[in-house]
Amino acid sequence: MKLLVERWLKDTPPVPGVLAIGVRFVDKSTVSRSWSDAFPEESLDQAWQCTADVFQVLKLNRLPADRFRWIYEQALLYCERRADGTCLGVFTARDPQGIDVDGVAKIIQGFHAMAE
């Protein structure tokens, strides 16, 4: 599965408004792709760890969630979790006018399709 995800990330074309994407696997390893100098790989690895932790805390507190969004001053972070525990993070620009919403939806759909 990891090789498939790595290939999918590598083949994902740039989407207007998407700054970075990444996946955190259940074994705690990550793979990322960034189109912005503001999102270096080390920072993305930490972000993916935090998102996985949020999913766990929500579950432990009986607040099941497979999706959430964080709003930052300069960016949005969309997070998705599949049934197998693998998590996707997508950082986008904050300005909705600069985001290809359909492109973001295709990224999320592609992530979920790999589990099928």
PDB file of N, CA and C in Angstrom:
ATOM      1  N   MET A   1       0.822  -1.196   0.000  1.00  0.00           N
ATOM      2  CA  MET A   1       0.000   0.000   0.000  1.00  0.00           C
ATOM      3  C   MET A   1       0.865   1.259   0.000  1.00  0.00           C
ATOM      4  N   LYS A   2       1.971   1.227   0.765  1.00  0.00           N
ATOM      5  CA  LYS A   2       2.823   2.415   0.827  1.00  0.00           C
ATOM      6  C   LYS A   2       3.359   2.806  -0.545  1.00  0.00           C
ATOM      7  N   LEU A   3       3.805   1.826  -1.297  1.00  0.00           N
ATOM      8  CA  LEU A   3       4.335   2.131  -2.627  1.00  0.00           C
ATOM      9  C   LEU A   3       3.268   2.744  -3.522  1.00  0.00           C
ATOM     10  N   LEU A   4       2.056   2.248  -3.414  1.00  0.00           N
ATOM     11  CA  LEU A   4       0.950   2.795  -4.187  1.00  0.00           C
ATOM     12  C   LEU A   4       0.699   4.259  -3.803  1.00  0.00           C
ATOM     13  N   VAL A   5       0.692   4.546  -2.507  1.00  0.00           N
ATOM     14  CA  VAL A   5       0.462   5.913  -2.030  1.00  0.00           C
ATOM     15  C   VAL A   5       1.604   6.824  -2.468  1.00  0.00           C
ATOM     16  N   GLU A   6       2.839   6.353  -2.331  1.00  0.00           N
ATOM     17  CA  GLU A   6       3.986   7.162  -2.748  1.00  0.00           C
ATOM     18  C   GLU A   6       3.913   7.492  -4.232  1.00  0.00           C
ATOM     19  N   ARG A   7       3.557   6.525  -5.050  1.00  0.00           N
ATOM     20  CA  ARG A   7       3.418   6.746  -6.487  1.00  0.00           C
ATOM     21  C   ARG A   7       2.285   7.725  -6.770  1.00  0.00           C
ATOM     22  N   TRP A   8       1.161   7.560  -6.049  1.00  0.00           N
ATOM     23  CA  TRP A   8       0.018   8.460  -6.218  1.00  0.00           C
ATOM     24  C   TRP A   8       0.413   9.900  -5.882  1.00  0.00           C
ATOM     25  N   LEU A   9       1.126  10.091  -4.773  1.00  0.00           N
ATOM     26  CA  LEU A   9       1.561  11.442  -4.407  1.00  0.00           C
ATOM     27  C   LEU A   9       2.496  12.027  -5.460  1.00  0.00           C
ATOM     28  N   LYS A  10       3.429  11.211  -5.927  1.00  0.00           N
ATOM     29  CA  LYS A  10       4.381  11.680  -6.933  1.00  0.00           C
ATOM     30  C   LYS A  10       3.671  12.080  -8.221  1.00  0.00           C
ATOM     31  N   ASP A  11       2.630  11.335  -8.578  1.00  0.00           N
ATOM     32  CA  ASP A  11       1.913  11.577  -9.827  1.00  0.00           C
ATOM     33  C   ASP A  11       0.815  12.626  -9.704  1.00  0.00           C
ATOM     34  N   THR A  12       0.526  13.073  -8.490  1.00  0.00           N
ATOM     35  CA  THR A  12      -0.517  14.078  -8.309  1.00  0.00           C
ATOM     36  C   THR A  12      -0.021  15.413  -8.863  1.00  0.00           C
ATOM     37  N   PRO A  13      -0.712  15.950  -9.856  1.00  0.00           N
ATOM     38  CA  PRO A  13      -0.262  17.225 -10.431  1.00  0.00           C
ATOM     39  C   PRO A  13      -0.565  18.380  -9.483  1.00  0.00           C
ATOM     40  N   PRO A  14       0.163  19.482  -9.634  1.00  0.00           N
ATOM     41  CA  PRO A  14      -0.151  20.659  -8.818  1.00  0.00           C
ATOM     42  C   PRO A  14      -1.594  21.100  -9.051  1.00  0.00           C
ATOM     43  N   VAL A  15      -2.256  21.473  -7.976  1.00  0.00           N
ATOM     44  CA  VAL A  15      -3.638  21.946  -8.040  1.00  0.00           C
ATOM     45  C   VAL A  15      -3.635  23.386  -7.540  1.00  0.00           C
ATOM     46  N   PRO A  16      -4.218  24.311  -8.297  1.00  0.00           N
ATOM     47  CA  PRO A  16      -4.228  25.703  -7.842  1.00  0.00           C
ATOM     48  C   PRO A  16      -4.762  25.835  -6.418  1.00  0.00           C
ATOM     49  N   GLY A  17      -3.986  26.489  -5.579  1.00  0.00           N
ATOM     50  CA  GLY A  17      -4.373  26.709  -4.192  1.00  0.00           C
ATOM     51  C   GLY A  17      -3.895  25.657  -3.224  1.00  0.00           C
ATOM     52  N   VAL A  18      -3.464  24.495  -3.715  1.00  0.00           N
ATOM     53  CA  VAL A  18      -2.947  23.447  -2.834  1.00  0.00           C
ATOM     54  C   VAL A  18      -1.462  23.713  -2.604  1.00  0.00           C
ATOM     55  N   LEU A  19      -1.093  23.835  -1.334  1.00  0.00           N
ATOM     56  CA  LEU A  19       0.277  24.154  -0.962  1.00  0.00           C
ATOM     57  C   LEU A  19       1.097  22.906  -0.664  1.00  0.00           C
ATOM     58  N   ALA A  20       0.456  21.897  -0.082  1.00  0.00           N
ATOM     59  CA  ALA A  20       1.160  20.658   0.270  1.00  0.00           C
ATOM     60  C   ALA A  20       0.131  19.572   0.569  1.00  0.00           C
ATOM     61  N   ILE A  21       0.547  18.327   0.363  1.00  0.00           N
ATOM     62  CA  ILE A  21      -0.278  17.181   0.733  1.00  0.00           C
ATOM     63  C   ILE A  21       0.625  16.133   1.369  1.00  0.00           C
ATOM     64  N   GLY A  22       0.017  15.270   2.161  1.00  0.00           N
ATOM     65  CA  GLY A  22       0.798  14.213   2.772  1.00  0.00           C
ATOM     66  C   GLY A  22      -0.075  13.138   3.362  1.00  0.00           C
ATOM     67  N   VAL A  23       0.538  12.000   3.605  1.00  0.00           N
ATOM     68  CA  VAL A  23      -0.159  10.842   4.160  1.00  0.00           C
ATOM     69  C   VAL A  23       0.639  10.330   5.346  1.00  0.00           C
ATOM     70  N   ARG A  24      -0.079   9.987   6.410  1.00  0.00           N
ATOM     71  CA  ARG A  24       0.543   9.341   7.576  1.00  0.00           C
ATOM     72  C   ARG A  24      -0.068   7.953   7.698  1.00  0.00           C
ATOM     73  N   PHE A  25       0.808   6.962   7.701  1.00  0.00           N
ATOM     74  CA  PHE A  25       0.384   5.574   7.766  1.00  0.00           C
ATOM     75  C   PHE A  25       0.221   5.139   9.215  1.00  0.00           C
ATOM     76  N   VAL A  26      -0.434   4.013   9.429  1.00  0.00           N
ATOM     77  CA  VAL A  26      -0.668   3.521  10.787  1.00  0.00           C
ATOM     78  C   VAL A  26       0.644   3.152  11.489  1.00  0.00           C
ATOM     79  N   ASP A  27       1.695   2.874  10.747  1.00  0.00           N
ATOM     80  CA  ASP A  27       2.985   2.580  11.372  1.00  0.00           C
ATOM     81  C   ASP A  27       3.760   3.855  11.721  1.00  0.00           C
ATOM     82  N   LYS A  28       3.108   5.001  11.580  1.00  0.00           N
ATOM     83  CA  LYS A  28       3.634   6.334  11.919  1.00  0.00           C
ATOM     84  C   LYS A  28       4.624   6.892  10.911  1.00  0.00           C
ATOM     85  N   SER A  29       4.826   6.232   9.797  1.00  0.00           N
ATOM     86  CA  SER A  29       5.664   6.787   8.741  1.00  0.00           C
ATOM     87  C   SER A  29       4.825   7.746   7.902  1.00  0.00           C
ATOM     88  N   THR A  30       5.496   8.663   7.218  1.00  0.00           N
ATOM     89  CA  THR A  30       4.789   9.669   6.425  1.00  0.00           C
ATOM     90  C   THR A  30       5.423   9.802   5.050  1.00  0.00           C
ATOM     91  N   VAL A  31       4.657  10.348   4.147  1.00  0.00           N
ATOM     92  CA  VAL A  31       5.133  10.722   2.824  1.00  0.00           C
ATOM     93  C   VAL A  31       4.416  12.028   2.473  1.00  0.00           C
ATOM     94  N   SER A  32       5.185  12.978   1.919  1.00  0.00           N
ATOM     95  CA  SER A  32       4.627  14.307   1.669  1.00  0.00           C
ATOM     96  C   SER A  32       5.064  14.835   0.313  1.00  0.00           C
ATOM     97  N   ARG A  33       4.323  15.830  -0.129  1.00  0.00           N
ATOM     98  CA  ARG A  33       4.680  16.568  -1.340  1.00  0.00           C
ATOM     99  C   ARG A  33       4.291  18.014  -1.114  1.00  0.00           C
ATOM    100  N   SER A  34       5.217  18.922  -1.387  1.00  0.00           N
ATOM    101  CA  SER A  34       4.966  20.341  -1.166  1.00  0.00           C
ATOM    102  C   SER A  34       5.211  21.132  -2.441  1.00  0.00           C
ATOM    103  N   TRP A  35       4.364  22.134  -2.650  1.00  0.00           N
ATOM    104  CA  TRP A  35       4.548  23.055  -3.754  1.00  0.00           C
ATOM    105  C   TRP A  35       4.838  24.459  -3.226  1.00  0.00           C
ATOM    106  N   SER A  36       5.191  24.556  -1.957  1.00  0.00           N
ATOM    107  CA  SER A  36       5.431  25.851  -1.320  1.00  0.00           C
ATOM    108  C   SER A  36       6.650  25.766  -0.397  1.00  0.00           C
ATOM    109  N   ASP A  37       7.509  26.768  -0.491  1.00  0.00           N
ATOM    110  CA  ASP A  37       8.672  26.824   0.398  1.00  0.00           C
ATOM    111  C   ASP A  37       8.257  26.976   1.856  1.00  0.00           C
ATOM    112  N   ALA A  38       7.046  27.431   2.106  1.00  0.00           N
ATOM    113  CA  ALA A  38       6.545  27.616   3.470  1.00  0.00           C
ATOM    114  C   ALA A  38       6.224  26.284   4.150  1.00  0.00           C
ATOM    115  N   PHE A  39       6.253  25.186   3.401  1.00  0.00           N
ATOM    116  CA  PHE A  39       5.910  23.872   3.947  1.00  0.00           C
ATOM    117  C   PHE A  39       7.024  22.873   3.676  1.00  0.00           C
ATOM    118  N   PRO A  40       8.152  22.993   4.413  1.00  0.00           N
ATOM    119  CA  PRO A  40       9.242  22.025   4.239  1.00  0.00           C
ATOM    120  C   PRO A  40       8.839  20.656   4.793  1.00  0.00           C
ATOM    121  N   GLU A  41       9.510  19.627   4.317  1.00  0.00           N
ATOM    122  CA  GLU A  41       9.146  18.252   4.670  1.00  0.00           C
ATOM    123  C   GLU A  41       9.139  18.006   6.177  1.00  0.00           C
ATOM    124  N   GLU A  42      10.106  18.569   6.905  1.00  0.00           N
ATOM    125  CA  GLU A  42      10.159  18.350   8.352  1.00  0.00           C
ATOM    126  C   GLU A  42       8.899  18.893   9.036  1.00  0.00           C
ATOM    127  N   SER A  43       8.460  20.060   8.605  1.00  0.00           N
ATOM    128  CA  SER A  43       7.247  20.659   9.178  1.00  0.00           C
ATOM    129  C   SER A  43       6.020  19.840   8.820  1.00  0.00           C
ATOM    130  N   LEU A  44       5.992  19.324   7.610  1.00  0.00           N
ATOM    131  CA  LEU A  44       4.853  18.504   7.194  1.00  0.00           C
ATOM    132  C   LEU A  44       4.789  17.215   8.001  1.00  0.00           C
ATOM    133  N   ASP A  45       5.927  16.587   8.244  1.00  0.00           N
ATOM    134  CA  ASP A  45       5.930  15.362   9.049  1.00  0.00           C
ATOM    135  C   ASP A  45       5.319  15.619  10.424  1.00  0.00           C
ATOM    136  N   GLN A  46       5.665  16.751  11.018  1.00  0.00           N
ATOM    137  CA  GLN A  46       5.108  17.105  12.325  1.00  0.00           C
ATOM    138  C   GLN A  46       3.606  17.380  12.226  1.00  0.00           C
ATOM    139  N   ALA A  47       3.186  18.041  11.164  1.00  0.00           N
ATOM    140  CA  ALA A  47       1.755  18.318  10.974  1.00  0.00           C
ATOM    141  C   ALA A  47       0.964  17.022  10.841  1.00  0.00           C
ATOM    142  N   TRP A  48       1.502  16.066  10.093  1.00  0.00           N
ATOM    143  CA  TRP A  48       0.778  14.793   9.902  1.00  0.00           C
ATOM    144  C   TRP A  48       0.711  14.012  11.218  1.00  0.00           C
ATOM    145  N   GLN A  49       1.737  14.103  12.040  1.00  0.00           N
ATOM    146  CA  GLN A  49       1.695  13.464  13.354  1.00  0.00           C
ATOM    147  C   GLN A  49       0.595  14.094  14.209  1.00  0.00           C
ATOM    148  N   CYS A  50       0.519  15.408  14.184  1.00  0.00           N
ATOM    149  CA  CYS A  50      -0.512  16.106  14.967  1.00  0.00           C
ATOM    150  C   CYS A  50      -1.920  15.741  14.503  1.00  0.00           C
ATOM    151  N   THR A  51      -2.118  15.635  13.202  1.00  0.00           N
ATOM    152  CA  THR A  51      -3.454  15.298  12.714  1.00  0.00           C
ATOM    153  C   THR A  51      -3.845  13.877  13.137  1.00  0.00           C
ATOM    154  N   ALA A  52      -2.896  12.951  13.061  1.00  0.00           N
ATOM    155  CA  ALA A  52      -3.183  11.582  13.503  1.00  0.00           C
ATOM    156  C   ALA A  52      -3.511  11.566  14.996  1.00  0.00           C
ATOM    157  N   ASP A  53      -2.800  12.386  15.778  1.00  0.00           N
ATOM    158  CA  ASP A  53      -3.076  12.476  17.209  1.00  0.00           C
ATOM    159  C   ASP A  53      -4.480  13.012  17.475  1.00  0.00           C
ATOM    160  N   VAL A  54      -4.910  13.986  16.692  1.00  0.00           N
ATOM    161  CA  VAL A  54      -6.256  14.550  16.874  1.00  0.00           C
ATOM    162  C   VAL A  54      -7.307  13.471  16.628  1.00  0.00           C
ATOM    163  N   PHE A  55      -7.132  12.688  15.572  1.00  0.00           N
ATOM    164  CA  PHE A  55      -8.089  11.609  15.310  1.00  0.00           C
ATOM    165  C   PHE A  55      -8.160  10.651  16.498  1.00  0.00           C
ATOM    166  N   GLN A  56      -6.999  10.322  17.089  1.00  0.00           N
ATOM    167  CA  GLN A  56      -6.975   9.416  18.240  1.00  0.00           C
ATOM    168  C   GLN A  56      -7.667  10.022  19.454  1.00  0.00           C
ATOM    169  N   VAL A  57      -7.397  11.286  19.735  1.00  0.00           N
ATOM    170  CA  VAL A  57      -8.012  11.952  20.896  1.00  0.00           C
ATOM    171  C   VAL A  57      -9.528  12.026  20.725  1.00  0.00           C
ATOM    172  N   LEU A  58      -9.976  12.347  19.526  1.00  0.00           N
ATOM    173  CA  LEU A  58     -11.423  12.387  19.286  1.00  0.00           C
ATOM    174  C   LEU A  58     -12.050  11.015  19.521  1.00  0.00           C
ATOM    175  N   LYS A  59     -11.388   9.983  19.038  1.00  0.00           N
ATOM    176  CA  LYS A  59     -11.902   8.617  19.213  1.00  0.00           C
ATOM    177  C   LYS A  59     -11.940   8.234  20.692  1.00  0.00           C
ATOM    178  N   LEU A  60     -10.867   8.538  21.422  1.00  0.00           N
ATOM    179  CA  LEU A  60     -10.811   8.212  22.855  1.00  0.00           C
ATOM    180  C   LEU A  60     -11.892   8.939  23.655  1.00  0.00           C
ATOM    181  N   ASN A  61     -12.301  10.096  23.168  1.00  0.00           N
ATOM    182  CA  ASN A  61     -13.331  10.871  23.849  1.00  0.00           C
ATOM    183  C   ASN A  61     -14.718  10.637  23.251  1.00  0.00           C
ATOM    184  N   ARG A  62     -14.827   9.545  22.523  1.00  0.00           N
ATOM    185  CA  ARG A  62     -16.099   9.118  21.924  1.00  0.00           C
ATOM    186  C   ARG A  62     -16.712  10.180  21.006  1.00  0.00           C
ATOM    187  N   LEU A  63     -15.836  10.833  20.279  1.00  0.00           N
ATOM    188  CA  LEU A  63     -16.249  11.800  19.271  1.00  0.00           C
ATOM    189  C   LEU A  63     -15.696  11.334  17.928  1.00  0.00           C
ATOM    190  N   PRO A  64     -16.273  10.252  17.403  1.00  0.00           N
ATOM    191  CA  PRO A  64     -15.715   9.678  16.182  1.00  0.00           C
ATOM    192  C   PRO A  64     -15.776  10.677  15.026  1.00  0.00           C
ATOM    193  N   ALA A  65     -14.665  10.790  14.339  1.00  0.00           N
ATOM    194  CA  ALA A  65     -14.584  11.682  13.182  1.00  0.00           C
ATOM    195  C   ALA A  65     -13.625  11.076  12.178  1.00  0.00           C
ATOM    196  N   ASP A  66     -13.953  11.201  10.927  1.00  0.00           N
ATOM    197  CA  ASP A  66     -13.073  10.757   9.859  1.00  0.00           C
ATOM    198  C   ASP A  66     -12.627  11.934   9.001  1.00  0.00           C
ATOM    199  N   ARG A  67     -13.016  13.150   9.431  1.00  0.00           N
ATOM    200  CA  ARG A  67     -12.694  14.337   8.652  1.00  0.00           C
ATOM    201  C   ARG A  67     -12.749  15.548   9.571  1.00  0.00           C
ATOM    202  N   PHE A  68     -11.801  16.454   9.395  1.00  0.00           N
ATOM    203  CA  PHE A  68     -11.876  17.751  10.061  1.00  0.00           C
ATOM    204  C   PHE A  68     -11.047  18.757   9.282  1.00  0.00           C
ATOM    205  N   ARG A  69     -11.221  20.033   9.646  1.00  0.00           N
ATOM    206  CA  ARG A  69     -10.486  21.105   8.982  1.00  0.00           C
ATOM    207  C   ARG A  69      -9.995  22.081  10.035  1.00  0.00           C
ATOM    208  N   TRP A  70      -8.723  22.452   9.921  1.00  0.00           N
ATOM    209  CA  TRP A  70      -8.160  23.485  10.787  1.00  0.00           C
ATOM    210  C   TRP A  70      -8.009  24.751   9.957  1.00  0.00           C
ATOM    211  N   ILE A  71      -8.298  25.859  10.576  1.00  0.00           N
ATOM    212  CA  ILE A  71      -8.177  27.153   9.915  1.00  0.00           C
ATOM    213  C   ILE A  71      -7.014  27.899  10.552  1.00  0.00           C
ATOM    214  N   TYR A  72      -6.025  28.217   9.748  1.00  0.00           N
ATOM    215  CA  TYR A  72      -4.871  28.984  10.183  1.00  0.00           C
ATOM    216  C   TYR A  72      -4.960  30.389   9.597  1.00  0.00           C
ATOM    217  N   GLU A  73      -4.061  31.246  10.020  1.00  0.00           N
ATOM    218  CA  GLU A  73      -4.053  32.621   9.532  1.00  0.00           C
ATOM    219  C   GLU A  73      -3.828  32.694   8.020  1.00  0.00           C
ATOM    220  N   GLN A  74      -2.927  31.853   7.514  1.00  0.00           N
ATOM    221  CA  GLN A  74      -2.566  31.917   6.102  1.00  0.00           C
ATOM    222  C   GLN A  74      -2.948  30.672   5.297  1.00  0.00           C
ATOM    223  N   ALA A  75      -3.505  29.676   5.937  1.00  0.00           N
ATOM    224  CA  ALA A  75      -3.787  28.422   5.232  1.00  0.00           C
ATOM    225  C   ALA A  75      -4.926  27.663   5.898  1.00  0.00           C
ATOM    226  N   LEU A  76      -5.452  26.697   5.163  1.00  0.00           N
ATOM    227  CA  LEU A  76      -6.432  25.744   5.687  1.00  0.00           C
ATOM    228  C   LEU A  76      -5.800  24.360   5.619  1.00  0.00           C
ATOM    229  N   LEU A  77      -6.155  23.506   6.558  1.00  0.00           N
ATOM    230  CA  LEU A  77      -5.677  22.119   6.557  1.00  0.00           C
ATOM    231  C   LEU A  77      -6.886  21.204   6.583  1.00  0.00           C
ATOM    232  N   TYR A  78      -7.072  20.460   5.501  1.00  0.00           N
ATOM    233  CA  TYR A  78      -8.139  19.472   5.411  1.00  0.00           C
ATOM    234  C   TYR A  78      -7.548  18.114   5.769  1.00  0.00           C
ATOM    235  N   CYS A  79      -8.209  17.396   6.663  1.00  0.00           N
ATOM    236  CA  CYS A  79      -7.724  16.097   7.115  1.00  0.00           C
ATOM    237  C   CYS A  79      -8.793  15.040   6.901  1.00  0.00           C
ATOM    238  N   GLU A  80      -8.365  13.890   6.436  1.00  0.00           N
ATOM    239  CA  GLU A  80      -9.253  12.750   6.193  1.00  0.00           C
ATOM    240  C   GLU A  80      -8.587  11.511   6.763  1.00  0.00           C
ATOM    241  N   ARG A  81      -9.399  10.598   7.284  1.00  0.00           N
ATOM    242  CA  ARG A  81      -8.872   9.311   7.769  1.00  0.00           C
ATOM    243  C   ARG A  81      -9.692   8.192   7.164  1.00  0.00           C
ATOM    244  N   ARG A  82      -8.980   7.200   6.648  1.00  0.00           N
ATOM    245  CA  ARG A  82      -9.656   6.023   6.103  1.00  0.00           C
ATOM    246  C   ARG A  82      -9.917   5.028   7.225  1.00  0.00           C
ATOM    247  N   ALA A  83     -10.730   4.026   6.933  1.00  0.00           N
ATOM    248  CA  ALA A  83     -11.077   2.999   7.918  1.00  0.00           C
ATOM    249  C   ALA A  83      -9.844   2.243   8.402  1.00  0.00           C
ATOM    250  N   ASP A  84      -8.805   2.137   7.574  1.00  0.00           N
ATOM    251  CA  ASP A  84      -7.593   1.428   7.986  1.00  0.00           C
ATOM    252  C   ASP A  84      -6.675   2.277   8.863  1.00  0.00           C
ATOM    253  N   GLY A  85      -7.067   3.540   9.144  1.00  0.00           N
ATOM    254  CA  GLY A  85      -6.292   4.417  10.017  1.00  0.00           C
ATOM    255  C   GLY A  85      -5.310   5.319   9.301  1.00  0.00           C
ATOM    256  N   THR A  86      -5.147   5.156   8.009  1.00  0.00           N
ATOM    257  CA  THR A  86      -4.250   6.016   7.235  1.00  0.00           C
ATOM    258  C   THR A  86      -4.884   7.405   7.105  1.00  0.00           C
ATOM    259  N   CYS A  87      -4.065   8.439   7.300  1.00  0.00           N
ATOM    260  CA  CYS A  87      -4.566   9.822   7.299  1.00  0.00           C
ATOM    261  C   CYS A  87      -3.986  10.622   6.141  1.00  0.00           C
ATOM    262  N   LEU A  88      -4.807  11.490   5.588  1.00  0.00           N
ATOM    263  CA  LEU A  88      -4.417  12.420   4.527  1.00  0.00           C
ATOM    264  C   LEU A  88      -4.515  13.835   5.056  1.00  0.00           C
ATOM    265  N   GLY A  89      -3.550  14.668   4.723  1.00  0.00           N
ATOM    266  CA  GLY A  89      -3.619  16.089   5.017  1.00  0.00           C
ATOM    267  C   GLY A  89      -3.408  16.887   3.748  1.00  0.00           C
ATOM    268  N   VAL A  90      -4.207  17.934   3.577  1.00  0.00           N
ATOM    269  CA  VAL A  90      -4.088  18.807   2.411  1.00  0.00           C
ATOM    270  C   VAL A  90      -4.071  20.246   2.904  1.00  0.00           C
ATOM    271  N   PHE A  91      -2.934  20.919   2.758  1.00  0.00           N
ATOM    272  CA  PHE A  91      -2.849  22.339   3.062  1.00  0.00           C
ATOM    273  C   PHE A  91      -3.235  23.125   1.820  1.00  0.00           C
ATOM    274  N   THR A  92      -4.138  24.096   2.001  1.00  0.00           N
ATOM    275  CA  THR A  92      -4.521  24.969   0.894  1.00  0.00           C
ATOM    276  C   THR A  92      -4.349  26.425   1.310  1.00  0.00           C
ATOM    277  N   ALA A  93      -4.370  27.284   0.321  1.00  0.00           N
ATOM    278  CA  ALA A  93      -4.384  28.718   0.588  1.00  0.00           C
ATOM    279  C   ALA A  93      -5.669  29.055   1.339  1.00  0.00           C
ATOM    280  N   ARG A  94      -5.654  30.129   2.063  1.00  0.00           N
ATOM    281  CA  ARG A  94      -6.824  30.526   2.847  1.00  0.00           C
ATOM    282  C   ARG A  94      -7.907  31.172   1.984  1.00  0.00           C
ATOM    283  N   ASP A  95      -7.499  31.879   0.951  1.00  0.00           N
ATOM    284  CA  ASP A  95      -8.434  32.593   0.084  1.00  0.00           C
ATOM    285  C   ASP A  95      -9.177  31.608  -0.816  1.00  0.00           C
ATOM    286  N   PRO A  96     -10.487  31.469  -0.631  1.00  0.00           N
ATOM    287  CA  PRO A  96     -11.234  30.485  -1.428  1.00  0.00           C
ATOM    288  C   PRO A  96     -11.212  30.781  -2.932  1.00  0.00           C
ATOM    289  N   GLN A  97     -10.991  32.034  -3.303  1.00  0.00           N
ATOM    290  CA  GLN A  97     -10.952  32.382  -4.728  1.00  0.00           C
ATOM    291  C   GLN A  97      -9.744  31.760  -5.444  1.00  0.00           C
ATOM    292  N   GLY A  98      -8.696  31.458  -4.676  1.00  0.00           N
ATOM    293  CA  GLY A  98      -7.488  30.922  -5.279  1.00  0.00           C
ATOM    294  C   GLY A  98      -7.383  29.409  -5.237  1.00  0.00           C
ATOM    295  N   ILE A  99      -8.447  28.747  -4.815  1.00  0.00           N
ATOM    296  CA  ILE A  99      -8.404  27.288  -4.651  1.00  0.00           C
ATOM    297  C   ILE A  99      -9.269  26.610  -5.708  1.00  0.00           C
ATOM    298  N   ASP A 100      -8.718  25.600  -6.334  1.00  0.00           N
ATOM    299  CA  ASP A 100      -9.480  24.738  -7.237  1.00  0.00           C
ATOM    300  C   ASP A 100     -10.182  23.688  -6.373  1.00  0.00           C
ATOM    301  N   VAL A 101     -11.405  23.977  -5.972  1.00  0.00           N
ATOM    302  CA  VAL A 101     -12.153  23.110  -5.058  1.00  0.00           C
ATOM    303  C   VAL A 101     -12.347  21.721  -5.652  1.00  0.00           C
ATOM    304  N   ASP A 102     -12.616  21.653  -6.940  1.00  0.00           N
ATOM    305  CA  ASP A 102     -12.771  20.347  -7.585  1.00  0.00           C
ATOM    306  C   ASP A 102     -11.470  19.562  -7.566  1.00  0.00           C
ATOM    307  N   GLY A 103     -10.338  20.258  -7.724  1.00  0.00           N
ATOM    308  CA  GLY A 103      -9.040  19.600  -7.657  1.00  0.00           C
ATOM    309  C   GLY A 103      -8.755  19.028  -6.275  1.00  0.00           C
ATOM    310  N   VAL A 104      -9.124  19.782  -5.237  1.00  0.00           N
ATOM    311  CA  VAL A 104      -8.961  19.285  -3.861  1.00  0.00           C
ATOM    312  C   VAL A 104      -9.847  18.060  -3.651  1.00  0.00           C
ATOM    313  N   ALA A 105     -11.074  18.123  -4.138  1.00  0.00           N
ATOM    314  CA  ALA A 105     -11.985  16.985  -4.007  1.00  0.00           C
ATOM    315  C   ALA A 105     -11.425  15.749  -4.710  1.00  0.00           C
ATOM    316  N   LYS A 106     -10.775  15.936  -5.863  1.00  0.00           N
ATOM    317  CA  LYS A 106     -10.180  14.799  -6.579  1.00  0.00           C
ATOM    318  C   LYS A 106      -9.028  14.188  -5.788  1.00  0.00           C
ATOM    319  N   ILE A 107      -8.242  15.031  -5.114  1.00  0.00           N
ATOM    320  CA  ILE A 107      -7.162  14.509  -4.274  1.00  0.00           C
ATOM    321  C   ILE A 107      -7.751  13.628  -3.169  1.00  0.00           C
ATOM    322  N   ILE A 108      -8.777  14.131  -2.514  1.00  0.00           N
ATOM    323  CA  ILE A 108      -9.399  13.391  -1.416  1.00  0.00           C
ATOM    324  C   ILE A 108     -10.032  12.096  -1.934  1.00  0.00           C
ATOM    325  N   GLN A 109     -10.714  12.167  -3.065  1.00  0.00           N
ATOM    326  CA  GLN A 109     -11.315  10.976  -3.652  1.00  0.00           C
ATOM    327  C   GLN A 109     -10.244   9.943  -4.026  1.00  0.00           C
ATOM    328  N   GLY A 110      -9.136  10.419  -4.579  1.00  0.00           N
ATOM    329  CA  GLY A 110      -8.047   9.513  -4.943  1.00  0.00           C
ATOM    330  C   GLY A 110      -7.480   8.805  -3.730  1.00  0.00           C
ATOM    331  N   PHE A 111      -7.358   9.527  -2.619  1.00  0.00           N
ATOM    332  CA  PHE A 111      -6.869   8.941  -1.380  1.00  0.00           C
ATOM    333  C   PHE A 111      -7.795   7.819  -0.906  1.00  0.00           C
ATOM    334  N   HIS A 112      -9.089   8.073  -0.919  1.00  0.00           N
ATOM    335  CA  HIS A 112     -10.038   7.053  -0.471  1.00  0.00           C
ATOM    336  C   HIS A 112     -10.149   5.894  -1.462  1.00  0.00           C
ATOM    337  N   ALA A 113      -9.983   6.171  -2.738  1.00  0.00           N
ATOM    338  CA  ALA A 113     -10.105   5.129  -3.763  1.00  0.00           C
ATOM    339  C   ALA A 113      -9.005   4.075  -3.634  1.00  0.00           C
ATOM    340  N   MET A 114      -7.861   4.461  -3.115  1.00  0.00           N
ATOM    341  CA  MET A 114      -6.765   3.495  -2.971  1.00  0.00           C
ATOM    342  C   MET A 114      -7.084   2.405  -1.961  1.00  0.00           C
ATOM    343  N   ALA A 115      -8.032   2.646  -1.079  1.00  0.00           N
ATOM    344  CA  ALA A 115      -8.385   1.660  -0.062  1.00  0.00           C
ATOM    345  C   ALA A 115      -9.383   0.641  -0.582  1.00  0.00           C
ATOM    346  N   GLU A 116      -9.962   0.910  -1.715  1.00  0.00           N
ATOM    347  CA  GLU A 116     -11.017   0.034  -2.247  1.00  0.00           C
ATOM    348  C   GLU A 116     -10.457  -1.129  -3.016  1.00  0.00           C
TER     349      GLU A 116
END
